[in-house]
PDB file of N, CA and C in Angstrom:
ATOM      1  N   MET A   1       0.815  -1.139  -0.176  1.00  0.00           N
ATOM      2  CA  MET A   1      -0.038  -0.031  -0.056  1.00  0.00           C
ATOM      3  C   MET A   1       1.183   1.186  -0.083  1.00  0.00           C
ATOM      4  N   THR A   2       0.485   2.363  -0.477  1.00  0.00           N
ATOM      5  CA  THR A   2       1.206   3.480  -0.783  1.00  0.00           C
ATOM      6  C   THR A   2       1.293   4.471   0.594  1.00  0.00           C
ATOM      7  N   THR A   3       2.604   4.568   1.140  1.00  0.00           N
ATOM      8  CA  THR A   3       2.625   5.581   2.144  1.00  0.00           C
ATOM      9  C   THR A   3       2.181   7.024   1.794  1.00  0.00           C
ATOM     10  N   VAL A   4       1.230   7.700   2.507  1.00  0.00           N
ATOM     11  CA  VAL A   4       1.201   9.354   2.216  1.00  0.00           C
ATOM     12  C   VAL A   4       1.439  10.002   3.617  1.00  0.00           C
ATOM     13  N   THR A   5       1.761  11.168   3.477  1.00  0.00           N
ATOM     14  CA  THR A   5       2.092  12.173   4.233  1.00  0.00           C
ATOM     15  C   THR A   5       0.898  13.271   4.518  1.00  0.00           C
ATOM     16  N   PRO A   6       0.400  13.323   5.439  1.00  0.00           N
ATOM     17  CA  PRO A   6      -0.690  14.385   5.730  1.00  0.00           C
ATOM     18  C   PRO A   6      -0.167  15.756   5.299  1.00  0.00           C
ATOM     19  N   THR A   7      -0.919  16.448   4.636  1.00  0.00           N
ATOM     20  CA  THR A   7      -0.505  17.901   4.774  1.00  0.00           C
ATOM     21  C   THR A   7      -1.447  18.928   5.222  1.00  0.00           C
ATOM     22  N   THR A   8      -0.983  19.918   5.622  1.00  0.00           N
ATOM     23  CA  THR A   8      -1.538  21.137   6.234  1.00  0.00           C
ATOM     24  C   THR A   8      -1.303  22.317   5.673  1.00  0.00           C
ATOM     25  N   SER A   9      -2.225  23.181   6.001  1.00  0.00           N
ATOM     26  CA  SER A   9      -1.797  24.640   5.428  1.00  0.00           C
ATOM     27  C   SER A   9      -3.000  25.568   6.597  1.00  0.00           C
ATOM     28  N   TYR A  10      -2.397  26.974   6.641  1.00  0.00           N
ATOM     29  CA  TYR A  10      -3.134  27.783   7.297  1.00  0.00           C
ATOM     30  C   TYR A  10      -2.890  29.137   6.254  1.00  0.00           C
ATOM     31  N   ALA A  11      -3.788  29.640   5.402  1.00  0.00           N
ATOM     32  CA  ALA A  11      -3.526  30.627   4.619  1.00  0.00           C
ATOM     33  C   ALA A  11      -4.386  31.791   5.143  1.00  0.00           C
ATOM     34  N   ASN A  12      -4.030  32.761   5.465  1.00  0.00           N
ATOM     35  CA  ASN A  12      -4.723  33.832   5.749  1.00  0.00           C
ATOM     36  C   ASN A  12      -4.687  35.086   4.847  1.00  0.00           C
ATOM     37  N   THR A  13      -4.804  34.886   3.558  1.00  0.00           N
ATOM     38  CA  THR A  13      -4.580  35.690   2.455  1.00  0.00           C
ATOM     39  C   THR A  13      -5.998  36.513   2.550  1.00  0.00           C
ATOM     40  N   GLY A  14      -5.600  37.891   2.913  1.00  0.00           N
ATOM     41  CA  GLY A  14      -6.848  38.879   2.612  1.00  0.00           C
ATOM     42  C   GLY A  14      -7.464  39.175   3.717  1.00  0.00           C
ATOM     43  N   MET A  15      -7.233  38.687   5.045  1.00  0.00           N
ATOM     44  CA  MET A  15      -7.861  38.481   6.118  1.00  0.00           C
ATOM     45  C   MET A  15      -7.477  39.839   6.840  1.00  0.00           C
ATOM     46  N   ASP A  16      -6.372  40.604   6.686  1.00  0.00           N
ATOM     47  CA  ASP A  16      -6.044  41.884   7.184  1.00  0.00           C
ATOM     48  C   ASP A  16      -6.878  43.126   6.666  1.00  0.00           C
ATOM     49  N   ILE A  17      -7.915  42.653   5.644  1.00  0.00           N
ATOM     50  CA  ILE A  17      -8.387  43.907   5.085  1.00  0.00           C
ATOM     51  C   ILE A  17      -9.916  44.054   6.004  1.00  0.00           C
ATOM     52  N   TYR A  18     -10.385  43.036   6.732  1.00  0.00           N
ATOM     53  CA  TYR A  18     -11.452  43.181   7.731  1.00  0.00           C
ATOM     54  C   TYR A  18     -11.181  42.892   9.007  1.00  0.00           C
ATOM     55  N   PHE A  19      -9.883  42.331   9.278  1.00  0.00           N
ATOM     56  CA  PHE A  19      -9.414  41.771  10.446  1.00  0.00           C
ATOM     57  C   PHE A  19      -8.234  42.034  10.941  1.00  0.00           C
ATOM     58  N   THR A  20      -7.887  42.138  12.232  1.00  0.00           N
ATOM     59  CA  THR A  20      -6.532  42.591  12.938  1.00  0.00           C
ATOM     60  C   THR A  20      -6.404  41.166  13.792  1.00  0.00           C
ATOM     61  N   ALA A  21      -5.097  40.908  13.796  1.00  0.00           N
ATOM     62  CA  ALA A  21      -4.700  39.753  14.728  1.00  0.00           C
ATOM     63  C   ALA A  21      -5.297  39.766  15.962  1.00  0.00           C
ATOM     64  N   GLY A  22      -5.829  38.450  16.545  1.00  0.00           N
ATOM     65  CA  GLY A  22      -6.268  38.540  17.912  1.00  0.00           C
ATOM     66  C   GLY A  22      -5.448  37.420  18.796  1.00  0.00           C
ATOM     67  N   THR A  23      -5.977  37.163  19.817  1.00  0.00           N
ATOM     68  CA  THR A  23      -5.229  36.000  20.787  1.00  0.00           C
ATOM     69  C   THR A  23      -6.522  35.216  20.929  1.00  0.00           C
ATOM     70  N   SER A  24      -6.273  33.923  21.433  1.00  0.00           N
ATOM     71  CA  SER A  24      -7.132  32.939  22.188  1.00  0.00           C
ATOM     72  C   SER A  24      -8.213  33.570  22.827  1.00  0.00           C
ATOM     73  N   SER A  25      -7.870  34.667  23.853  1.00  0.00           N
ATOM     74  CA  SER A  25      -8.812  35.220  24.696  1.00  0.00           C
ATOM     75  C   SER A  25      -9.453  36.414  24.184  1.00  0.00           C
ATOM     76  N   ASP A  26      -9.045  36.879  23.192  1.00  0.00           N
ATOM     77  CA  ASP A  26      -9.628  38.179  22.457  1.00  0.00           C
ATOM     78  C   ASP A  26      -9.649  38.125  20.951  1.00  0.00           C
ATOM     79  N   LYS A  27     -10.985  37.463  20.495  1.00  0.00           N
ATOM     80  CA  LYS A  27     -11.229  37.037  18.972  1.00  0.00           C
ATOM     81  C   LYS A  27     -12.613  37.279  18.801  1.00  0.00           C
ATOM     82  N   ASN A  28     -12.842  37.361  17.507  1.00  0.00           N
ATOM     83  CA  ASN A  28     -14.029  37.288  16.894  1.00  0.00           C
ATOM     84  C   ASN A  28     -14.404  35.874  16.134  1.00  0.00           C
ATOM     85  N   VAL A  29     -12.944  35.709  15.339  1.00  0.00           N
ATOM     86  CA  VAL A  29     -12.967  34.414  14.785  1.00  0.00           C
ATOM     87  C   VAL A  29     -11.897  33.533  14.994  1.00  0.00           C
ATOM     88  N   THR A  30     -11.979  32.339  14.993  1.00  0.00           N
ATOM     89  CA  THR A  30     -10.756  31.293  15.144  1.00  0.00           C
ATOM     90  C   THR A  30     -10.752  30.465  13.673  1.00  0.00           C
ATOM     91  N   ILE A  31      -9.845  30.351  13.262  1.00  0.00           N
ATOM     92  CA  ILE A  31      -9.333  29.359  12.082  1.00  0.00           C
ATOM     93  C   ILE A  31      -8.715  28.159  12.449  1.00  0.00           C
ATOM     94  N   THR A  32      -9.246  27.088  12.238  1.00  0.00           N
ATOM     95  CA  THR A  32      -8.461  25.969  12.789  1.00  0.00           C
ATOM     96  C   THR A  32      -8.156  24.988  11.452  1.00  0.00           C
ATOM     97  N   PRO A  33      -6.711  24.735  11.066  1.00  0.00           N
ATOM     98  CA  PRO A  33      -6.694  24.110   9.935  1.00  0.00           C
ATOM     99  C   PRO A  33      -6.791  22.427  10.092  1.00  0.00           C
ATOM    100  N   ARG A  34      -7.238  21.733   9.001  1.00  0.00           N
ATOM    101  CA  ARG A  34      -7.325  20.501   8.959  1.00  0.00           C
ATOM    102  C   ARG A  34      -6.488  19.658   8.212  1.00  0.00           C
ATOM    103  N   TYR A  35      -6.147  18.682   8.364  1.00  0.00           N
ATOM    104  CA  TYR A  35      -5.279  17.698   7.847  1.00  0.00           C
ATOM    105  C   TYR A  35      -6.068  16.833   6.684  1.00  0.00           C
ATOM    106  N   SER A  36      -5.175  16.794   5.438  1.00  0.00           N
ATOM    107  CA  SER A  36      -6.042  16.210   4.483  1.00  0.00           C
ATOM    108  C   SER A  36      -4.629  15.135   3.862  1.00  0.00           C
ATOM    109  N   ASN A  37      -5.091  14.116   3.028  1.00  0.00           N
ATOM    110  CA  ASN A  37      -3.945  13.312   2.528  1.00  0.00           C
ATOM    111  C   ASN A  37      -4.936  12.673   1.374  1.00  0.00           C
ATOM    112  N   SER A  38      -4.128  11.853   0.631  1.00  0.00           N
ATOM    113  CA  SER A  38      -4.695  11.055  -0.374  1.00  0.00           C
ATOM    114  C   SER A  38      -4.996   9.394  -0.146  1.00  0.00           C
ATOM    115  N   ALA A  39      -5.483   8.474  -0.869  1.00  0.00           N
ATOM    116  CA  ALA A  39      -5.630   7.403  -0.467  1.00  0.00           C
ATOM    117  C   ALA A  39      -4.142   6.691  -0.109  1.00  0.00           C
ATOM    118  N   GLY A  40      -4.121   5.821   1.063  1.00  0.00           N
ATOM    119  CA  GLY A  40      -3.131   5.224   1.433  1.00  0.00           C
ATOM    120  C   GLY A  40      -3.078   4.952   2.857  1.00  0.00           C
ATOM    121  N   TYR A  41      -2.025   4.464   3.667  1.00  0.00           N
ATOM    122  CA  TYR A  41      -1.900   4.643   4.843  1.00  0.00           C
ATOM    123  C   TYR A  41      -0.806   5.498   5.544  1.00  0.00           C
ATOM    124  N   VAL A  42      -1.193   5.953   6.681  1.00  0.00           N
ATOM    125  CA  VAL A  42      -0.377   7.224   7.481  1.00  0.00           C
ATOM    126  C   VAL A  42       0.536   6.513   8.339  1.00  0.00           C
ATOM    127  N   ALA A  43       1.959   6.335   8.182  1.00  0.00           N
ATOM    128  CA  ALA A  43       2.687   5.772   9.336  1.00  0.00           C
ATOM    129  C   ALA A  43       2.727   6.574  10.424  1.00  0.00           C
ATOM    130  N   ALA A  44       2.677   5.910  11.598  1.00  0.00           N
ATOM    131  CA  ALA A  44       2.893   6.698  13.074  1.00  0.00           C
ATOM    132  C   ALA A  44       3.779   7.894  12.832  1.00  0.00           C
ATOM    133  N   HIS A  45       3.246   8.971  13.206  1.00  0.00           N
ATOM    134  CA  HIS A  45       4.360  10.211  13.450  1.00  0.00           C
ATOM    135  C   HIS A  45       3.858  11.196  14.640  1.00  0.00           C
ATOM    136  N   THR A  46       5.051  11.982  14.795  1.00  0.00           N
ATOM    137  CA  THR A  46       4.651  12.836  16.203  1.00  0.00           C
ATOM    138  C   THR A  46       5.150  14.320  15.592  1.00  0.00           C
ATOM    139  N   ASN A  47       4.663  15.207  16.383  1.00  0.00           N
ATOM    140  CA  ASN A  47       5.060  16.573  16.182  1.00  0.00           C
ATOM    141  C   ASN A  47       4.758  17.257  14.453  1.00  0.00           C
ATOM    142  N   THR A  48       3.540  16.705  14.362  1.00  0.00           N
ATOM    143  CA  THR A  48       3.075  17.344  12.762  1.00  0.00           C
ATOM    144  C   THR A  48       2.568  18.648  13.173  1.00  0.00           C
ATOM    145  N   ASN A  49       3.240  19.624  12.426  1.00  0.00           N
ATOM    146  CA  ASN A  49       2.680  20.916  12.682  1.00  0.00           C
ATOM    147  C   ASN A  49       1.202  21.195  11.665  1.00  0.00           C
ATOM    148  N   ASN A  50       0.414  21.742  12.379  1.00  0.00           N
ATOM    149  CA  ASN A  50      -1.070  21.751  11.657  1.00  0.00           C
ATOM    150  C   ASN A  50      -1.388  22.840  10.971  1.00  0.00           C
ATOM    151  N   GLY A  51      -0.286  24.053  11.012  1.00  0.00           N
ATOM    152  CA  GLY A  51      -0.100  25.160  10.318  1.00  0.00           C
ATOM    153  C   GLY A  51      -0.349  26.326  11.366  1.00  0.00           C
ATOM    154  N   GLY A  52      -0.774  25.841  12.611  1.00  0.00           N
ATOM    155  CA  GLY A  52      -1.231  26.711  13.605  1.00  0.00           C
ATOM    156  C   GLY A  52      -2.727  27.338  13.625  1.00  0.00           C
ATOM    157  N   VAL A  53      -3.191  27.684  14.651  1.00  0.00           N
ATOM    158  CA  VAL A  53      -4.346  27.943  14.832  1.00  0.00           C
ATOM    159  C   VAL A  53      -4.324  29.808  14.604  1.00  0.00           C
ATOM    160  N   GLY A  54      -5.518  30.402  13.840  1.00  0.00           N
ATOM    161  CA  GLY A  54      -5.496  31.845  13.448  1.00  0.00           C
ATOM    162  C   GLY A  54      -6.681  32.508  14.582  1.00  0.00           C
ATOM    163  N   TYR A  55      -6.344  33.500  15.263  1.00  0.00           N
ATOM    164  CA  TYR A  55      -7.502  34.174  15.738  1.00  0.00           C
ATOM    165  C   TYR A  55      -7.356  35.537  15.196  1.00  0.00           C
ATOM    166  N   TRP A  56      -8.622  36.229  14.960  1.00  0.00           N
ATOM    167  CA  TRP A  56      -8.785  37.298  14.303  1.00  0.00           C
ATOM    168  C   TRP A  56      -9.950  38.146  15.089  1.00  0.00           C
ATOM    169  N   LYS A  57      -9.915  39.482  14.770  1.00  0.00           N
ATOM    170  CA  LYS A  57     -10.839  40.474  15.525  1.00  0.00           C
ATOM    171  C   LYS A  57     -11.262  41.114  14.205  1.00  0.00           C
ATOM    172  N   ILE A  58     -12.486  41.516  14.297  1.00  0.00           N
ATOM    173  CA  ILE A  58     -13.212  42.189  13.432  1.00  0.00           C
ATOM    174  C   ILE A  58     -12.743  43.490  13.660  1.00  0.00           C
ATOM    175  N   ILE A  59     -12.244  44.087  12.575  1.00  0.00           N
ATOM    176  CA  ILE A  59     -12.054  45.753  12.550  1.00  0.00           C
ATOM    177  C   ILE A  59     -13.284  46.601  12.666  1.00  0.00           C
ATOM    178  N   THR A  60     -13.178  47.370  13.477  1.00  0.00           N
ATOM    179  CA  THR A  60     -14.588  48.367  13.687  1.00  0.00           C
ATOM    180  C   THR A  60     -14.278  49.640  13.360  1.00  0.00           C
ATOM    181  N   THR A  61     -15.259  50.574  13.063  1.00  0.00           N
ATOM    182  CA  THR A  61     -15.069  51.809  12.623  1.00  0.00           C
ATOM    183  C   THR A  61     -16.197  52.518  13.255  1.00  0.00           C
ATOM    184  N   SER A  62     -16.404  53.847  13.181  1.00  0.00           N
ATOM    185  CA  SER A  62     -17.539  54.606  13.447  1.00  0.00           C
ATOM    186  C   SER A  62     -17.750  55.835  12.349  1.00  0.00           C
ATOM    187  N   VAL A  63     -18.958  56.255  12.550  1.00  0.00           N
ATOM    188  CA  VAL A  63     -19.438  57.220  11.583  1.00  0.00           C
ATOM    189  C   VAL A  63     -19.433  58.520  11.990  1.00  0.00           C
ATOM    190  N   SER A  64     -18.639  59.426  11.443  1.00  0.00           N
ATOM    191  CA  SER A  64     -18.621  60.804  11.672  1.00  0.00           C
ATOM    192  C   SER A  64     -19.708  61.664  11.014  1.00  0.00           C
ATOM    193  N   GLN A  65     -20.459  62.454  11.707  1.00  0.00           N
ATOM    194  CA  GLN A  65     -21.327  63.263  11.092  1.00  0.00           C
ATOM    195  C   GLN A  65     -20.719  64.511  10.744  1.00  0.00           C
ATOM    196  N   GLY A  66     -21.175  65.152   9.541  1.00  0.00           N
ATOM    197  CA  GLY A  66     -20.877  66.461   9.269  1.00  0.00           C
ATOM    198  C   GLY A  66     -21.815  67.368   9.688  1.00  0.00           C
ATOM    199  N   THR A  67     -21.579  68.628   9.657  1.00  0.00           N
ATOM    200  CA  THR A  67     -22.422  69.691  10.163  1.00  0.00           C
ATOM    201  C   THR A  67     -23.259  70.591   9.067  1.00  0.00           C
ATOM    202  N   THR A  68     -24.524  70.370   9.291  1.00  0.00           N
ATOM    203  CA  THR A  68     -25.417  71.131   8.327  1.00  0.00           C
ATOM    204  C   THR A  68     -25.408  72.592   8.699  1.00  0.00           C
ATOM    205  N   SER A  69     -25.410  73.308   8.011  1.00  0.00           N
ATOM    206  CA  SER A  69     -25.872  75.006   8.399  1.00  0.00           C
ATOM    207  C   SER A  69     -26.867  75.545   7.548  1.00  0.00           C
ATOM    208  N   VAL A  70     -27.363  76.612   7.940  1.00  0.00           N
ATOM    209  CA  VAL A  70     -28.246  77.362   7.169  1.00  0.00           C
ATOM    210  C   VAL A  70     -27.784  78.831   7.254  1.00  0.00           C
ATOM    211  N   SER A  71     -27.590  79.710   6.161  1.00  0.00           N
ATOM    212  CA  SER A  71     -27.094  80.934   6.049  1.00  0.00           C
ATOM    213  C   SER A  71     -28.344  81.611   5.211  1.00  0.00           C
ATOM    214  N   GLY A  72     -29.282  82.340   5.552  1.00  0.00           N
ATOM    215  CA  GLY A  72     -30.454  82.912   4.614  1.00  0.00           C
ATOM    216  C   GLY A  72     -31.037  81.823   4.337  1.00  0.00           C
ATOM    217  N   THR A  73     -31.190  81.954   2.751  1.00  0.00           N
ATOM    218  CA  THR A  73     -31.850  80.986   2.058  1.00  0.00           C
ATOM    219  C   THR A  73     -30.977  79.939   1.519  1.00  0.00           C
ATOM    220  N   THR A  74     -29.756  79.769   2.098  1.00  0.00           N
ATOM    221  CA  THR A  74     -28.762  78.769   1.476  1.00  0.00           C
ATOM    222  C   THR A  74     -28.543  77.550   2.615  1.00  0.00           C
ATOM    223  N   ALA A  75     -28.904  76.316   2.313  1.00  0.00           N
ATOM    224  CA  ALA A  75     -28.391  75.315   3.239  1.00  0.00           C
ATOM    225  C   ALA A  75     -27.258  74.556   2.840  1.00  0.00           C
ATOM    226  N   THR A  76     -26.349  74.258   3.634  1.00  0.00           N
ATOM    227  CA  THR A  76     -25.217  73.648   3.259  1.00  0.00           C
ATOM    228  C   THR A  76     -25.284  72.072   4.081  1.00  0.00           C
ATOM    229  N   ARG A  77     -25.591  71.204   3.422  1.00  0.00           N
ATOM    230  CA  ARG A  77     -25.771  69.767   4.189  1.00  0.00           C
ATOM    231  C   ARG A  77     -24.531  69.155   4.674  1.00  0.00           C
ATOM    232  N   GLY A  78     -24.314  68.692   5.836  1.00  0.00           N
ATOM    233  CA  GLY A  78     -23.341  68.068   6.275  1.00  0.00           C
ATOM    234  C   GLY A  78     -23.345  66.534   5.810  1.00  0.00           C
ATOM    235  N   THR A  79     -22.281  65.993   5.555  1.00  0.00           N
ATOM    236  CA  THR A  79     -22.141  64.562   5.260  1.00  0.00           C
ATOM    237  C   THR A  79     -21.584  63.654   6.114  1.00  0.00           C
ATOM    238  N   ALA A  80     -21.726  62.462   6.139  1.00  0.00           N
ATOM    239  CA  ALA A  80     -21.329  61.396   6.927  1.00  0.00           C
ATOM    240  C   ALA A  80     -20.096  60.761   6.480  1.00  0.00           C
ATOM    241  N   THR A  81     -18.936  60.375   7.045  1.00  0.00           N
ATOM    242  CA  THR A  81     -17.941  59.712   6.832  1.00  0.00           C
ATOM    243  C   THR A  81     -17.512  58.543   7.677  1.00  0.00           C
ATOM    244  N   TRP A  82     -16.990  57.255   6.983  1.00  0.00           N
ATOM    245  CA  TRP A  82     -16.326  56.172   7.778  1.00  0.00           C
ATOM    246  C   TRP A  82     -15.333  55.599   7.221  1.00  0.00           C
ATOM    247  N   ASN A  83     -14.764  54.994   7.648  1.00  0.00           N
ATOM    248  CA  ASN A  83     -13.585  54.114   7.411  1.00  0.00           C
ATOM    249  C   ASN A  83     -14.183  52.447   6.839  1.00  0.00           C
ATOM    250  N   THR A  84     -13.278  51.848   6.472  1.00  0.00           N
ATOM    251  CA  THR A  84     -13.517  50.169   6.399  1.00  0.00           C
ATOM    252  C   THR A  84     -13.859  49.662   7.645  1.00  0.00           C
ATOM    253  N   GLY A  85     -14.635  48.803   7.944  1.00  0.00           N
ATOM    254  CA  GLY A  85     -14.802  48.136   9.146  1.00  0.00           C
ATOM    255  C   GLY A  85     -16.459  47.809   9.464  1.00  0.00           C
ATOM    256  N   TRP A  86     -16.392  47.214  10.351  1.00  0.00           N
ATOM    257  CA  TRP A  86     -18.031  47.057  11.213  1.00  0.00           C
ATOM    258  C   TRP A  86     -18.527  48.066  11.861  1.00  0.00           C
ATOM    259  N   ILE A  87     -19.781  48.683  11.655  1.00  0.00           N
ATOM    260  CA  ILE A  87     -20.352  49.913  12.164  1.00  0.00           C
ATOM    261  C   ILE A  87     -20.969  49.475  13.107  1.00  0.00           C
ATOM    262  N   THR A  88     -20.813  49.406  14.391  1.00  0.00           N
ATOM    263  CA  THR A  88     -21.513  48.943  15.621  1.00  0.00           C
ATOM    264  C   THR A  88     -22.779  49.492  15.810  1.00  0.00           C
TER     265      THR A  88
END
Protein backbone atom coordinates (compact mmCIF):
# COMPACT_ATOMS: atom_id res chain seq x y z
CA MET A 1 0.00 0.00 0.00
CA THR A 2 1.22 3.51 -0.73
CA THR A 3 2.51 5.58 2.19
CA VAL A 4 1.18 9.13 2.29
CA THR A 5 2.08 12.14 4.38
CA PRO A 6 -0.70 14.38 5.67
CA THR A 7 -0.45 17.93 4.44
CA THR A 8 -1.65 20.98 6.26
CA SER A 9 -1.88 24.63 5.56
CA TYR A 10 -3.08 27.84 7.06
CA ALA A 11 -3.49 30.63 4.56
CA ASN A 12 -4.81 33.92 5.84
CA THR A 13 -4.71 35.77 2.53
CA GLY A 14 -6.88 38.88 2.61
CA MET A 15 -7.83 38.58 6.29
CA ASP A 16 -6.08 41.85 7.17
CA ILE A 17 -8.59 43.83 5.08
CA TYR A 18 -11.43 43.24 7.57
CA PHE A 19 -9.63 41.77 10.59
CA THR A 20 -6.68 42.43 12.88
CA ALA A 21 -4.74 39.71 14.66
CA GLY A 22 -6.36 38.51 17.88
CA THR A 23 -5.48 36.10 20.64
CA SER A 24 -7.12 32.96 21.98
CA SER A 25 -8.80 35.05 24.70
CA ASP A 26 -9.59 38.14 22.61
CA LYS A 27 -11.03 37.20 19.21
CA ASN A 28 -14.12 37.23 17.01
CA VAL A 29 -13.05 34.46 14.61
CA THR A 30 -10.97 31.29 15.04
CA ILE A 31 -9.48 29.42 12.08
CA THR A 32 -8.34 25.86 12.74
CA PRO A 33 -6.51 24.06 9.91
CA ARG A 34 -7.38 20.45 9.12
CA TYR A 35 -5.25 17.60 7.80
CA SER A 36 -5.84 16.07 4.42
CA ASN A 37 -4.14 13.32 2.45
CA SER A 38 -4.75 11.07 -0.50
CA ALA A 39 -5.58 7.37 -0.35
CA GLY A 40 -3.08 5.17 1.42
CA TYR A 41 -1.91 4.57 4.97
CA VAL A 42 -0.32 7.11 7.29
CA ALA A 43 2.63 5.80 9.28
CA ALA A 44 2.75 6.73 12.96
CA HIS A 45 4.31 10.14 13.43
CA THR A 46 4.58 12.86 16.01
CA ASN A 47 5.11 16.61 16.06
CA THR A 48 3.17 17.26 12.88
CA ASN A 49 2.53 20.96 12.54
CA ASN A 50 -1.04 21.78 11.57
CA GLY A 51 -0.10 25.24 10.34
CA GLY A 52 -1.19 26.88 13.58
CA VAL A 53 -4.53 28.23 14.76
CA GLY A 54 -5.42 31.78 13.73
CA TYR A 55 -7.34 34.23 15.89
CA TRP A 56 -8.82 37.35 14.36
CA LYS A 57 -10.69 40.43 15.57
CA ILE A 58 -13.17 42.23 13.34
CA ILE A 59 -12.04 45.76 12.43
CA THR A 60 -14.57 48.28 13.67
CA THR A 61 -15.17 51.88 12.66
CA SER A 62 -17.54 54.67 13.51
CA VAL A 63 -19.50 57.22 11.53
CA SER A 64 -18.64 60.90 11.73
CA GLN A 65 -21.47 63.29 11.04
CA GLY A 66 -20.79 66.51 9.17
CA THR A 67 -22.44 69.77 10.19
CA THR A 68 -25.46 71.10 8.33
CA SER A 69 -25.67 74.86 8.26
CA VAL A 70 -28.22 77.38 7.07
CA SER A 71 -27.37 80.94 6.08
CA GLY A 72 -30.29 82.99 4.79
CA THR A 73 -31.85 80.93 2.01
CA THR A 74 -28.83 78.67 1.53
CA ALA A 75 -28.49 75.36 3.32
CA THR A 76 -25.25 73.40 3.26
CA ARG A 77 -25.82 69.77 4.07
CA GLY A 78 -23.33 67.91 6.23
CA THR A 79 -22.08 64.53 5.06
CA ALA A 80 -21.31 61.38 6.96
CA THR A 81 -17.91 59.67 6.64
CA TRP A 82 -16.55 56.33 7.80
CA ASN A 83 -13.61 54.00 7.19
CA THR A 84 -13.51 50.29 6.35
CA GLY A 85 -14.84 48.12 9.14
CA TRP A 86 -17.88 46.93 11.02
CA ILE A 87 -20.12 49.76 12.18
CA THR A 88 -21.58 48.90 15.58
